[in-house]
Protein backbone atom coordinates (compact mmCIF):
# COMPACT_ATOMS: atom_id res chain seq x y z
CA PHE A 1 -38.40 47.89 -24.19
CA TYR A 2 -35.43 49.92 -25.35
CA PHE A 3 -33.27 48.67 -22.44
CA GLN A 4 -34.30 45.04 -22.71
CA GLU A 5 -31.19 44.33 -24.83
CA ARG A 6 -29.04 47.09 -23.34
CA ALA A 7 -27.23 47.73 -20.09
CA PRO A 8 -29.07 50.07 -17.66
CA LEU A 9 -27.83 53.64 -17.58
CA GLY A 10 -25.12 54.17 -14.95
CA THR A 11 -23.54 50.72 -15.44
CA PHE A 12 -19.75 50.41 -15.28
CA ILE A 13 -17.43 47.46 -15.88
CA GLY A 14 -14.42 48.56 -13.94
CA GLU A 15 -13.67 52.02 -15.31
CA SER A 16 -15.49 51.37 -18.60
CA TYR A 17 -18.95 52.91 -18.87
CA VAL A 18 -21.35 50.57 -20.65
CA GLY A 19 -24.71 52.17 -19.76
CA GLY A 20 -27.11 52.08 -22.71
CA LYS A 21 -24.85 49.83 -24.77
CA THR A 22 -26.14 46.66 -26.37
CA TYR A 23 -24.91 43.30 -25.18
CA GLY A 24 -23.09 42.82 -28.47
CA GLU A 25 -21.22 46.09 -27.88
CA ILE A 26 -20.45 44.99 -24.32
CA GLU A 27 -19.03 41.71 -25.57
CA THR A 28 -16.64 43.69 -27.82
CA ILE A 29 -15.61 45.85 -24.86
CA LEU A 30 -15.06 42.78 -22.68
CA LYS A 31 -12.96 41.12 -25.37
CA GLU A 32 -10.71 44.17 -25.51
CA MET A 33 -10.58 44.34 -21.70
CA LYS A 34 -9.65 40.63 -21.58
CA GLU A 35 -6.73 41.13 -23.96
CA ASN A 36 -5.49 44.12 -21.97
CA MET A 37 -6.00 42.50 -18.56
CA GLU A 38 -4.15 39.31 -19.50
CA ARG A 39 -1.03 41.44 -20.06
CA GLU A 40 -1.20 42.91 -16.55
CA MET A 41 1.40 41.68 -14.09
CA ILE A 42 1.27 39.88 -10.76
CA TYR A 43 4.32 39.87 -8.46
CA LEU A 44 4.77 36.90 -6.14
CA TYR A 45 7.18 37.22 -3.21
CA PRO A 46 8.38 33.84 -1.86
CA ASP A 47 8.44 33.64 1.92
CA GLN A 48 11.71 34.88 3.50
CA GLU A 49 13.28 35.69 0.14
CA ASP A 50 14.39 39.09 -1.20
CA ILE A 51 13.37 38.35 -4.78
CA TYR A 52 10.01 38.49 -6.53
CA LEU A 53 8.59 36.41 -9.35
CA ASN A 54 6.51 38.22 -11.98
CA TYR A 55 3.83 36.70 -14.18
CA SER A 56 1.18 38.11 -16.45
CA LEU A 57 -2.41 37.11 -15.74
CA ALA A 58 -2.34 34.98 -18.91
CA GLU A 59 0.83 33.19 -17.79
CA ILE A 60 -0.66 32.30 -14.45
CA GLY A 61 -3.97 31.20 -16.02
CA ILE A 62 -6.30 34.05 -14.97
CA THR A 63 -8.94 35.38 -17.35
CA ILE A 64 -12.18 37.42 -17.26
CA GLU A 65 -15.45 35.49 -17.11
CA GLN A 66 -17.29 37.38 -19.83
CA GLU A 67 -20.46 35.33 -19.66
CA LYS A 68 -20.88 35.91 -15.92
CA ILE A 69 -20.32 39.66 -16.25
CA ILE A 70 -22.99 39.92 -18.96
CA GLU A 71 -25.29 37.80 -16.80
CA GLU A 72 -24.77 40.29 -13.96
CA ILE A 73 -25.74 43.16 -16.26
CA ARG A 74 -28.87 41.30 -17.46
CA HIS A 75 -29.78 40.73 -13.84
CA LEU A 76 -29.96 44.53 -13.32
CA ASN A 77 -32.88 44.61 -15.76
CA GLN A 78 -34.92 41.98 -13.90
CA PRO A 79 -37.51 42.88 -12.77
CA PHE A 80 -37.98 46.24 -14.41
CA ASN A 81 -38.51 49.01 -11.87
CA TYR A 82 -38.53 52.71 -12.79
CA LEU A 83 -37.31 53.93 -9.40
CA CYS A 84 -34.53 51.35 -9.25
CA LYS A 85 -33.36 52.23 -12.78
CA LEU A 86 -33.41 55.95 -11.93
CA GLN A 87 -31.27 55.35 -8.86
CA THR A 88 -28.85 53.24 -10.92
CA ALA A 89 -28.57 56.01 -13.51
CA LEU A 90 -27.95 58.73 -10.89
CA LYS A 91 -25.61 56.86 -8.54
CA GLY A 92 -24.06 54.38 -10.95
CA VAL A 93 -23.31 50.69 -10.36
CA ILE A 94 -20.00 48.86 -10.91
CA ILE A 95 -20.12 45.26 -12.06
CA PRO A 96 -17.51 43.40 -9.91
CA GLY A 97 -14.41 41.85 -11.44
CA LEU A 98 -15.39 38.27 -12.11
CA PHE A 99 -12.35 36.22 -13.01
CA LYS A 100 -11.52 32.52 -13.17
CA ILE A 101 -8.26 30.63 -12.74
CA LYS A 102 -7.36 27.84 -15.11
CA SER A 103 -6.21 25.19 -12.65
CA VAL A 104 -3.77 23.41 -14.97
CA ARG A 105 -1.83 26.58 -15.82
CA PHE A 106 -1.97 27.88 -12.24
CA GLU A 107 -0.72 24.58 -10.79
CA SER A 108 2.05 24.42 -13.41
CA VAL A 109 3.33 27.87 -12.39
CA LEU A 110 3.18 26.98 -8.68
CA ALA A 111 4.97 23.71 -9.34
CA GLU A 112 7.89 25.68 -10.78
CA ILE A 113 7.85 28.04 -7.79
CA LYS A 114 7.85 25.13 -5.35
CA LYS A 115 11.02 23.60 -6.78
CA GLY A 116 13.75 23.97 -4.21
CA ARG A 117 11.40 25.80 -1.86
CA CYS A 118 8.84 23.16 -0.92
CA PHE A 119 9.12 19.47 -0.15
CA PRO A 120 6.75 16.80 1.14
CA PRO A 121 6.91 15.46 4.68
CA GLU A 122 8.61 12.13 5.28
CA ASP A 123 7.28 9.57 7.71
CA ALA A 124 9.53 8.03 10.32
CA GLU A 125 10.48 4.53 9.27
CA ILE A 126 11.52 1.32 10.95
CA TRP A 127 12.93 -1.66 9.06
CA ALA A 128 15.39 -4.48 9.34
CA GLU A 129 18.36 -5.00 7.04
CA GLU A 130 20.73 -7.98 7.17
CA GLY A 131 19.28 -8.94 10.53
CA VAL A 132 19.79 -5.51 12.09
CA LEU A 133 16.98 -3.17 13.19
CA LYS A 134 17.17 0.34 11.71
CA TYR A 135 15.30 3.62 12.22
CA ARG A 136 14.86 6.81 10.21
CA PRO A 137 13.43 9.93 11.89
CA HIS A 138 10.56 11.87 10.35
CA LYS A 139 10.97 15.10 8.36
CA ILE A 140 8.59 18.03 8.35
CA GLY A 141 7.50 19.24 4.91
CA LYS A 142 6.76 22.67 3.51
CA SER A 143 4.28 23.78 0.87
CA ILE A 144 2.41 26.76 -0.54
CA ASP A 145 -1.29 26.98 0.26
CA GLU A 146 -2.60 27.05 -3.31
CA LYS A 147 -6.27 27.44 -2.38
CA LYS A 148 -5.53 30.38 -0.11
CA LEU A 149 -3.45 32.09 -2.78
CA SER A 150 -6.02 31.60 -5.55
CA ALA A 151 -8.81 32.86 -3.27
CA GLU A 152 -6.76 35.95 -2.37
CA ILE A 153 -6.00 36.72 -6.05
CA LEU A 154 -9.68 36.44 -7.05
CA GLN A 155 -10.71 38.60 -4.07
CA ARG A 156 -8.32 41.37 -5.09
CA LEU A 157 -9.44 41.19 -8.75
CA TYR A 158 -13.08 41.38 -7.65
CA HIS A 159 -12.61 45.11 -6.88
CA TRP A 160 -10.84 45.97 -10.18
CA PRO A 161 -7.49 46.90 -8.58
CA SER A 162 -4.64 48.80 -10.14
CA PHE A 163 -1.68 46.81 -11.41
CA PRO A 164 0.80 45.32 -10.77
CA LEU A 165 -0.58 43.25 -7.91
CA THR A 166 1.75 41.88 -5.26
CA PHE A 167 1.22 38.77 -3.13
CA GLN A 168 3.30 37.22 -0.37
CA LEU A 169 3.73 33.48 -0.89
CA GLU A 170 3.26 32.14 2.59
CA THR A 171 4.39 28.58 3.20
CA GLU A 172 2.59 26.10 5.40
CA VAL A 173 4.14 23.36 7.48
CA LEU A 174 3.21 19.80 6.52
CA PHE A 175 3.47 17.26 9.32
CA PRO A 176 4.17 13.57 8.60
CA ALA A 177 1.58 10.91 9.37
CA ARG A 178 4.09 8.94 11.46
CA LYS A 179 6.67 10.58 13.72
CA ILE A 180 9.63 8.94 15.38
CA SER A 181 7.69 9.03 18.68
CA ASP A 182 5.05 6.83 17.03
CA ILE A 183 7.80 4.39 16.04
CA MET A 184 9.09 4.29 19.61
CA ASN A 185 5.59 3.67 20.91
CA MET A 186 5.34 0.52 18.79
CA GLY A 187 7.61 -1.23 21.26
CA ILE A 188 9.86 -2.74 18.59
CA LYS A 189 13.28 -2.85 20.22
CA ASP A 190 15.11 -6.07 19.37
CA LYS A 191 14.78 -9.67 18.18
CA ILE A 192 12.34 -11.85 20.05
CA VAL A 193 12.53 -14.96 17.83
CA THR A 194 14.75 -16.27 15.04
CA PHE A 195 13.78 -19.48 13.19
CA SER A 196 15.49 -21.10 10.21
CA THR A 197 14.87 -23.94 7.77
CA PHE A 198 17.22 -25.23 5.09
CA PHE A 199 16.70 -26.24 1.47
CA ASP A 200 18.56 -27.90 -1.36
CA ASP A 201 20.23 -25.08 -3.25
CA SER A 202 20.53 -27.19 -6.41
CA SER A 203 16.83 -26.74 -7.27
CA LEU A 204 17.03 -23.36 -9.00
CA ASN A 205 13.28 -22.87 -9.65
CA ARG A 206 12.31 -23.80 -6.11
CA ASN A 207 15.00 -21.51 -4.69
CA HIS A 208 13.76 -18.68 -6.89
CA ASN A 209 10.20 -19.13 -5.58
CA ILE A 210 11.38 -19.18 -1.95
CA SER A 211 13.36 -15.97 -2.45
CA LEU A 212 10.45 -14.23 -4.23
CA ALA A 213 7.92 -15.06 -1.50
CA ALA A 214 10.39 -14.17 1.27
CA LYS A 215 10.99 -10.77 -0.34
CA ALA A 216 7.22 -10.07 -0.43
CA LEU A 217 7.07 -10.69 3.34
CA ASP A 218 10.21 -8.85 4.37
CA ASN A 219 9.70 -5.91 6.75
CA ILE A 220 6.00 -6.48 7.29
CA LEU A 221 4.67 -4.54 10.31
CA LEU A 222 2.03 -6.29 12.38
CA SER A 223 0.50 -3.87 14.85
CA LYS A 224 -1.27 -4.96 18.03
CA GLY A 225 -4.49 -6.88 17.31
CA LYS A 226 -3.88 -7.16 13.54
CA ILE A 227 -4.00 -10.45 11.61
CA PHE A 228 -1.23 -11.68 9.33
CA SER A 229 -2.47 -13.42 6.18
CA PHE A 230 0.12 -15.15 3.99
CA ASN A 231 -2.13 -15.28 0.92
CA GLU A 232 -3.16 -11.66 1.28
CA LEU A 233 0.44 -10.44 1.41
CA VAL A 234 2.08 -12.79 -1.09
CA GLY A 235 -0.83 -13.15 -3.50
CA GLU A 236 -1.23 -15.93 -6.02
CA ALA A 237 2.06 -17.68 -6.81
CA SER A 238 1.38 -17.83 -10.55
CA LEU A 239 3.70 -17.76 -13.55
CA SER A 240 2.42 -14.29 -14.40
CA SER A 241 3.51 -13.14 -10.92
CA GLY A 242 7.08 -14.22 -11.60
CA TYR A 243 7.00 -17.65 -9.95
CA ARG A 244 8.39 -20.76 -11.63
CA GLU A 245 7.43 -24.43 -11.95
CA ALA A 246 8.77 -26.57 -9.09
CA PRO A 247 7.59 -29.65 -7.14
CA ILE A 248 4.42 -29.22 -5.05
CA ILE A 249 2.37 -31.72 -3.03
CA VAL A 250 -1.01 -32.58 -4.57
CA ASN A 251 -3.10 -35.55 -3.39
CA GLU A 252 -0.21 -37.03 -1.44
CA GLU A 253 2.07 -36.92 -4.49
CA LEU A 254 4.81 -34.59 -5.72
CA VAL A 255 3.93 -32.94 -9.01
CA MET A 256 5.22 -29.89 -10.87
CA GLY A 257 3.34 -26.65 -10.39
CA PRO A 258 3.89 -22.87 -10.23
CA GLY A 259 5.11 -21.56 -6.89
CA GLY A 260 6.59 -24.83 -5.65
CA GLY A 261 8.62 -24.12 -2.51
CA ILE A 262 6.64 -21.24 -1.01
CA CYS A 263 5.18 -23.61 1.57
CA GLN A 264 8.63 -23.67 3.13
CA VAL A 265 8.35 -19.91 3.57
CA SER A 266 4.92 -20.20 5.22
CA SER A 267 6.15 -23.07 7.41
CA THR A 268 9.22 -21.12 8.55
CA ILE A 269 7.09 -18.10 9.45
CA TYR A 270 4.58 -20.36 11.22
CA ASN A 271 7.26 -21.71 13.55
CA ALA A 272 8.54 -18.20 14.28
CA ALA A 273 4.97 -17.14 15.08
CA LEU A 274 4.57 -20.15 17.40
CA LEU A 275 7.75 -19.31 19.29
CA SER A 276 6.72 -15.65 19.52
CA GLY A 277 3.51 -16.62 21.29
CA LEU A 278 1.22 -15.23 18.59
CA ALA A 279 -2.36 -16.50 18.34
CA ILE A 280 -2.76 -18.90 15.40
CA GLU A 281 -5.98 -18.21 13.50
CA GLU A 282 -5.59 -20.59 10.54
CA ARG A 283 -3.02 -23.22 9.60
CA HIS A 284 -3.08 -26.45 7.55
CA HIS A 285 -0.60 -29.32 7.40
CA HIS A 286 0.60 -31.10 4.26
CA SER A 287 -0.90 -34.46 3.34
CA ILE A 288 2.56 -36.07 3.62
CA PRO A 289 5.58 -35.06 5.71
CA VAL A 290 8.00 -32.46 4.37
CA THR A 291 11.79 -32.78 4.45
CA TYR A 292 12.60 -29.43 6.05
CA LEU A 293 10.52 -29.72 9.27
CA PRO A 294 9.29 -32.41 11.65
CA PRO A 295 5.65 -33.53 11.28
CA GLY A 296 3.23 -31.17 13.02
CA LEU A 297 5.27 -28.03 12.39
CA ASP A 298 4.61 -27.45 8.67
CA ALA A 299 2.06 -25.03 7.19
CA THR A 300 0.84 -25.54 3.63
CA ILE A 301 -0.60 -22.83 1.39
CA ALA A 302 -3.11 -22.87 -1.47
CA TYR A 303 -4.25 -19.47 -2.76
CA ASN A 304 -7.93 -18.70 -1.99
CA TYR A 305 -8.21 -22.11 -0.32
CA LEU A 306 -5.64 -22.74 2.40
CA ASP A 307 -4.01 -19.86 4.26
CA LEU A 308 -1.70 -19.18 7.17
CA LYS A 309 -3.12 -16.58 9.54
CA PHE A 310 -2.03 -15.45 12.98
CA ARG A 311 -2.99 -12.51 15.17
CA ASN A 312 -0.69 -10.23 17.11
CA ASN A 313 -2.01 -10.68 20.62
CA LEU A 314 1.15 -9.32 22.21
CA PRO A 315 1.37 -5.94 24.00
CA PHE A 316 3.67 -4.53 21.32
CA ASP A 317 3.94 -4.36 17.55
CA ILE A 318 5.84 -6.98 15.53
CA LEU A 319 8.24 -6.46 12.61
CA LEU A 320 8.78 -9.54 10.39
CA HIS A 321 12.17 -9.75 8.68
CA MET A 322 12.98 -12.47 6.12
CA GLN A 323 16.45 -13.51 4.98
CA VAL A 324 17.73 -16.00 2.42
CA LEU A 325 21.36 -16.82 3.20
CA GLY A 326 22.72 -19.47 0.86
CA ASN A 327 20.48 -22.48 1.48
CA GLU A 328 19.10 -21.08 4.77
CA LEU A 329 15.68 -19.44 5.02
CA ARG A 330 15.47 -17.31 8.16
CA ALA A 331 12.45 -15.60 9.77
CA ILE A 332 13.16 -13.00 12.43
CA PHE A 333 10.47 -11.39 14.57
CA PHE A 334 11.39 -8.07 16.19
CA GLY A 335 9.49 -6.77 19.22
CA ASP A 336 10.07 -6.10 22.92
CA PRO A 337 12.05 -8.97 24.48
CA SER A 338 11.42 -7.64 27.99
CA ARG A 339 7.66 -8.18 27.58
CA SER A 340 7.66 -11.47 25.66
CA LEU A 341 7.22 -14.93 27.19
CA GLU A 342 9.47 -17.95 26.74
CA VAL A 343 7.82 -20.48 24.43
CA GLU A 344 8.59 -24.14 23.73
CA VAL A 345 6.88 -26.18 20.98
CA ILE A 346 6.85 -29.98 21.21
CA THR A 347 5.28 -32.70 19.06
CA ARG A 348 4.38 -36.24 20.03
CA LYS A 349 3.33 -39.16 17.86
CA LEU A 350 -0.11 -40.48 18.83
CA SER A 351 -0.44 -43.36 16.36
CA SER A 352 1.12 -44.82 13.27
CA ILE A 353 -0.18 -46.63 10.18
CA PRO A 354 2.12 -49.13 8.43
CA PRO A 355 2.50 -48.54 4.70
CA PRO A 356 0.34 -50.73 2.47
CA VAL A 357 2.06 -52.93 -0.11
CA HIS A 358 1.04 -52.66 -3.75
CA TYR A 359 2.19 -55.08 -6.42
CA ARG A 360 2.85 -54.26 -10.04
CA GLU A 361 2.92 -57.28 -12.36
CA LEU A 362 5.50 -57.31 -15.14
CA SER A 363 4.63 -59.63 -18.00
CA ASP A 364 8.15 -59.55 -19.42
CA LYS A 365 9.84 -60.74 -16.20
CA PRO A 366 10.02 -64.31 -14.84
CA SER A 367 7.90 -65.24 -11.81
CA SER A 368 11.00 -65.28 -9.62
CA TYR A 369 11.62 -61.55 -10.30
CA ARG A 370 11.09 -59.22 -7.31
CA GLU A 371 11.99 -55.51 -7.05
CA ILE A 372 10.91 -52.66 -4.76
CA ILE A 373 10.31 -49.65 -7.03
CA GLN A 374 8.95 -47.33 -4.31
CA ALA A 375 9.89 -47.53 -0.65
CA GLY A 376 6.95 -47.33 1.71
CA ARG A 377 6.59 -44.83 4.51
CA GLU A 378 4.41 -45.16 7.55
CA GLY A 379 1.58 -42.75 8.20
CA PHE A 380 1.00 -41.27 11.62
CA THR A 381 -0.92 -38.82 13.70
CA VAL A 382 0.93 -36.21 15.75
CA GLU A 383 -0.15 -33.65 18.30
CA THR A 384 1.59 -30.27 18.62
CA ILE A 385 1.72 -28.59 22.00
CA ARG A 386 2.91 -25.11 22.84
CA ILE A 387 4.17 -24.39 26.38
CA PHE A 388 4.54 -20.88 27.85
CA PHE A 389 7.13 -20.05 30.49
CA LYS A 390 7.84 -16.98 32.59
CA ASP A 391 11.16 -16.75 34.41
CA GLY A 392 11.70 -20.43 33.64
CA VAL A 393 8.41 -21.53 35.22
CA GLU A 394 5.63 -23.04 33.10
CA ILE A 395 2.50 -20.89 33.28
CA SER A 396 0.32 -22.52 30.61
CA ARG A 397 0.23 -24.93 27.73
CA GLU A 398 -1.86 -25.09 24.58
CA SER A 399 -2.73 -27.93 22.24
CA LEU A 400 -2.47 -26.81 18.64
CA GLY A 401 -4.41 -29.84 17.40
CA GLN A 402 -3.63 -33.13 15.73
CA ASP A 403 -2.23 -33.64 12.24
CA HIS A 404 -2.70 -36.79 10.20
CA TYR A 405 -0.12 -37.74 7.57
CA ALA A 406 -1.09 -40.48 5.12
CA PRO A 407 1.24 -43.45 4.64
CA ARG A 408 3.01 -43.88 1.35
CA PRO A 409 2.53 -47.37 -0.09
CA GLU A 410 5.42 -49.65 -0.87
CA ILE A 411 5.30 -50.66 -4.52
CA ARG A 412 6.83 -53.98 -5.52
CA ALA A 413 7.37 -55.16 -9.07
CA VAL A 414 6.86 -58.91 -9.60
CA GLY A 415 7.32 -61.00 -12.70
CA VAL A 416 4.52 -63.25 -14.01
CA LEU A 417 6.33 -64.91 -16.92
CA SER A 418 6.55 -68.71 -16.60
CA GLU A 419 10.05 -70.05 -15.88
CA GLU A 420 9.70 -72.58 -18.78
């Protein structure tokens, strides 16, 4: 009963004898030990340097775990055994040095040590700039193994060593995720297709939207088997995303809406994808013809509704490069020209629908008055065909489907006021 609240005889904490002392007395001893230990020094020797860095245990965030040490002492009393307690008293038992490292302080010290000594790895890069393909080789990084160092410090402290302690800061090599050999294995060597459309540079908002969408799609890598999704990469062309109000086609009419003009970007990329021989997964035509491309070659976009998707079915990776040069929008696909096929895209008109005539009566004009206030435009159905050649010889052709464009009615104003 006497030793229920006391340390067993023969108990040491480091060099301090605490046998027979109450736990309250032991707490006082541990508090004093903590204050003394936190002033002890640790010397860190950076790899391949002739200098050393010295820190106190407090500076590096190392402190005694008082609660765990007292718990270890309490454990010696459970269960009570006379023979065991006699052996402890005669031979003695040393409670191990139980310390903890405050991660924030420890990482802060190591961050200072790493400056100028350690650096992250850099992946090899491939990109296009001003129509030219560029490469950057990878760089190997260097770091200090923090977990290994902290484990080694705690292991040394476990045996109550003499101070100061010295540790060699060994660096580890960090390899990049993508090396220049990986870039070379992509098979991206030169241009395989260049396709351009042109726009009216007087429409500032529309031009802004085209440039913004083109920038989002510049230098997109499409590896073998992967699918390109315009909506996924560009996102919603909303005002909050930086897009502006410009004309868009809704229900066969031009109206103002955010993101007007980005369909020219999707249409330009669509034609480049066609000529590259990529597999078209999803594409939609406008309800009326556009001014920048012939019917059958446009690709409209509506976020979360209509998308442009194509899959890289070629034996090499593709790099998409977008350029806006004055009033020219250019899409360039880079790949391996030696392994790409020659592609020709043709369209043919299957049928046409004459424009209907609508009359608008004007009560303030005489019955002899006639005026065309909207010119009509015929509607038609076109079929788009893609033809593949190898060494100038046709090897296959593919129908990309039929597109129907609605006619635009001719609107005539007529007077209904009597001549008298």
